């Protein structure tokens, strides 16, 4: 999907290392891509799936 550069966001906590993901929400879908490979593959999630993932992150479910 070819979206304008301004459609993609990355975390303000990602710093300048370039090792992060970017997220876009064009319409009824959440897209995720690797910031180092902007022309590469995209992951696609429904808003419900994305909200579940973010909730699990906030709850510490993925903490080592």
N, C-alpha and C. Protein backbone atom coordinates (compact mmCIF):
# COMPACT_ATOMS: atom_id res chain seq x y z
N UNK A 1 0.85 -1.18 0.00
CA UNK A 1 0.00 0.00 0.00
C UNK A 1 0.89 1.23 0.00
N UNK A 2 0.62 2.12 -0.91
CA UNK A 2 1.44 3.32 -1.06
C UNK A 2 0.76 4.48 -0.34
N UNK A 3 1.24 4.78 0.85
CA UNK A 3 0.69 5.86 1.66
C UNK A 3 1.68 7.02 1.68
N UNK A 4 1.19 8.23 1.86
CA UNK A 4 2.12 9.36 2.00
C UNK A 4 3.00 9.18 3.23
N UNK A 5 4.18 9.70 3.16
CA UNK A 5 5.13 9.59 4.28
C UNK A 5 4.52 10.10 5.59
N UNK A 6 3.69 11.12 5.50
CA UNK A 6 3.09 11.71 6.70
C UNK A 6 2.07 10.78 7.36
N UNK A 7 1.63 9.74 6.67
CA UNK A 7 0.65 8.80 7.24
C UNK A 7 1.29 7.87 8.27
N UNK A 8 2.61 7.72 8.19
CA UNK A 8 3.33 6.78 9.06
C UNK A 8 3.84 7.49 10.31
N UNK A 9 3.70 6.81 11.46
CA UNK A 9 4.18 7.36 12.74
C UNK A 9 5.09 6.34 13.41
N UNK A 10 6.04 6.84 14.17
CA UNK A 10 6.84 5.95 15.00
C UNK A 10 6.90 6.52 16.41
N UNK A 11 7.22 5.68 17.34
CA UNK A 11 7.24 6.09 18.73
C UNK A 11 8.25 7.20 18.96
N UNK A 12 7.88 8.14 19.80
CA UNK A 12 8.83 9.19 20.17
C UNK A 12 9.97 8.62 21.01
N UNK A 13 9.78 7.41 21.54
CA UNK A 13 10.81 6.76 22.35
C UNK A 13 11.78 5.95 21.49
N UNK A 14 11.60 5.93 20.19
CA UNK A 14 12.45 5.08 19.33
C UNK A 14 13.85 5.63 19.15
N UNK A 15 14.05 6.90 19.40
CA UNK A 15 15.39 7.48 19.29
C UNK A 15 15.84 7.60 17.85
N UNK A 16 17.13 7.73 17.65
CA UNK A 16 17.67 7.94 16.31
C UNK A 16 18.40 6.72 15.77
N UNK A 17 18.27 5.57 16.41
CA UNK A 17 18.98 4.37 15.97
C UNK A 17 18.44 3.80 14.67
N UNK A 18 17.19 4.11 14.34
CA UNK A 18 16.60 3.59 13.12
C UNK A 18 16.05 2.18 13.27
N UNK A 19 16.17 1.59 14.44
CA UNK A 19 15.67 0.24 14.68
C UNK A 19 14.29 0.30 15.32
N UNK A 20 13.29 0.58 14.51
CA UNK A 20 11.95 0.70 15.06
C UNK A 20 10.91 0.31 14.01
N UNK A 21 9.68 0.33 14.42
CA UNK A 21 8.59 0.09 13.49
C UNK A 21 7.80 1.38 13.34
N UNK A 22 7.09 1.46 12.24
CA UNK A 22 6.21 2.59 11.98
C UNK A 22 4.80 2.07 11.81
N UNK A 23 3.82 2.87 12.19
CA UNK A 23 2.41 2.47 12.18
C UNK A 23 1.61 3.49 11.39
N UNK A 24 0.67 2.99 10.58
CA UNK A 24 -0.26 3.85 9.85
C UNK A 24 -1.66 3.29 10.03
N UNK A 25 -2.63 4.17 10.07
CA UNK A 25 -4.03 3.75 10.20
C UNK A 25 -4.86 4.40 9.10
N UNK A 26 -4.75 3.89 7.86
CA UNK A 26 -5.44 4.53 6.75
C UNK A 26 -6.97 4.46 6.84
N UNK A 27 -7.56 3.29 6.99
CA UNK A 27 -9.02 3.16 7.05
C UNK A 27 -9.38 1.75 7.49
N UNK A 28 -9.90 1.64 8.71
CA UNK A 28 -10.36 0.36 9.27
C UNK A 28 -9.28 -0.71 9.31
N UNK A 29 -8.02 -0.31 9.31
CA UNK A 29 -6.91 -1.25 9.39
C UNK A 29 -5.72 -0.54 10.02
N UNK A 30 -4.87 -1.31 10.68
CA UNK A 30 -3.63 -0.77 11.24
C UNK A 30 -2.48 -1.47 10.51
N UNK A 31 -1.61 -0.70 9.90
CA UNK A 31 -0.47 -1.24 9.17
C UNK A 31 0.81 -0.98 9.95
N UNK A 32 1.72 -1.95 9.91
CA UNK A 32 2.99 -1.85 10.62
C UNK A 32 4.10 -2.23 9.64
N UNK A 33 5.19 -1.46 9.65
CA UNK A 33 6.33 -1.76 8.78
C UNK A 33 7.63 -1.49 9.51
N UNK A 34 8.70 -2.04 8.99
CA UNK A 34 10.05 -1.84 9.51
C UNK A 34 10.57 -0.51 8.97
N UNK A 35 11.01 0.37 9.85
CA UNK A 35 11.47 1.69 9.40
C UNK A 35 12.74 1.61 8.54
N UNK A 36 13.48 0.52 8.64
CA UNK A 36 14.69 0.36 7.83
C UNK A 36 14.38 -0.16 6.43
N UNK A 37 13.17 -0.71 6.22
CA UNK A 37 12.79 -1.30 4.94
C UNK A 37 11.39 -0.83 4.57
N UNK A 38 11.27 0.43 4.27
CA UNK A 38 9.95 1.04 4.05
C UNK A 38 9.23 0.49 2.82
N UNK A 39 9.93 -0.13 1.91
CA UNK A 39 9.30 -0.72 0.73
C UNK A 39 9.02 -2.21 0.93
N UNK A 40 9.39 -2.74 2.10
CA UNK A 40 9.23 -4.16 2.38
C UNK A 40 7.81 -4.53 2.78
N UNK A 41 7.69 -5.68 3.36
CA UNK A 41 6.39 -6.22 3.75
C UNK A 41 5.71 -5.39 4.83
N UNK A 42 4.40 -5.46 4.83
CA UNK A 42 3.58 -4.80 5.85
C UNK A 42 2.84 -5.85 6.65
N UNK A 43 2.65 -5.58 7.91
CA UNK A 43 1.75 -6.38 8.74
C UNK A 43 0.44 -5.60 8.82
N UNK A 44 -0.66 -6.32 8.80
CA UNK A 44 -1.97 -5.69 8.82
C UNK A 44 -2.80 -6.26 9.97
N UNK A 45 -3.42 -5.37 10.75
CA UNK A 45 -4.22 -5.78 11.90
C UNK A 45 -5.56 -5.05 11.87
N UNK A 46 -6.58 -5.69 12.41
CA UNK A 46 -7.84 -4.98 12.64
C UNK A 46 -7.62 -4.06 13.83
N UNK A 47 -8.45 -3.03 13.98
CA UNK A 47 -8.31 -2.17 15.16
C UNK A 47 -8.43 -2.97 16.46
N UNK A 48 -9.32 -3.96 16.51
CA UNK A 48 -9.48 -4.78 17.71
C UNK A 48 -8.22 -5.57 18.04
N UNK A 49 -7.60 -6.15 17.02
CA UNK A 49 -6.35 -6.89 17.23
C UNK A 49 -5.25 -5.95 17.73
N UNK A 50 -5.16 -4.78 17.11
CA UNK A 50 -4.13 -3.82 17.50
C UNK A 50 -4.34 -3.34 18.93
N UNK A 51 -5.59 -3.03 19.28
CA UNK A 51 -5.87 -2.59 20.64
C UNK A 51 -5.55 -3.68 21.66
N UNK A 52 -5.82 -4.94 21.31
CA UNK A 52 -5.46 -6.05 22.19
C UNK A 52 -3.96 -6.15 22.38
N UNK A 53 -3.21 -5.97 21.30
CA UNK A 53 -1.75 -6.01 21.37
C UNK A 53 -1.21 -4.88 22.24
N UNK A 54 -1.71 -3.66 22.03
CA UNK A 54 -1.26 -2.52 22.82
C UNK A 54 -1.61 -2.72 24.29
N UNK A 55 -2.80 -3.24 24.56
CA UNK A 55 -3.19 -3.52 25.94
C UNK A 55 -2.27 -4.52 26.60
N UNK A 56 -1.89 -5.57 25.87
CA UNK A 56 -0.96 -6.56 26.40
C UNK A 56 0.41 -5.94 26.66
N UNK A 57 0.86 -5.06 25.77
CA UNK A 57 2.14 -4.36 26.00
C UNK A 57 2.09 -3.55 27.29
N UNK A 58 1.03 -2.78 27.44
CA UNK A 58 0.89 -1.93 28.61
C UNK A 58 0.79 -2.75 29.90
N UNK A 59 0.22 -3.94 29.80
CA UNK A 59 0.07 -4.81 30.97
C UNK A 59 1.36 -5.58 31.29
N UNK A 60 2.39 -5.43 30.44
CA UNK A 60 3.66 -6.09 30.69
C UNK A 60 3.70 -7.55 30.28
N UNK A 61 2.77 -8.00 29.45
CA UNK A 61 2.70 -9.41 29.08
C UNK A 61 3.90 -9.87 28.27
N UNK A 62 4.65 -8.94 27.66
CA UNK A 62 5.79 -9.33 26.84
C UNK A 62 7.12 -9.01 27.52
N UNK A 63 7.09 -8.55 28.76
CA UNK A 63 8.31 -8.23 29.48
C UNK A 63 9.10 -9.51 29.75
N UNK A 64 10.39 -9.40 29.62
CA UNK A 64 11.26 -10.57 29.85
C UNK A 64 11.47 -10.80 31.34
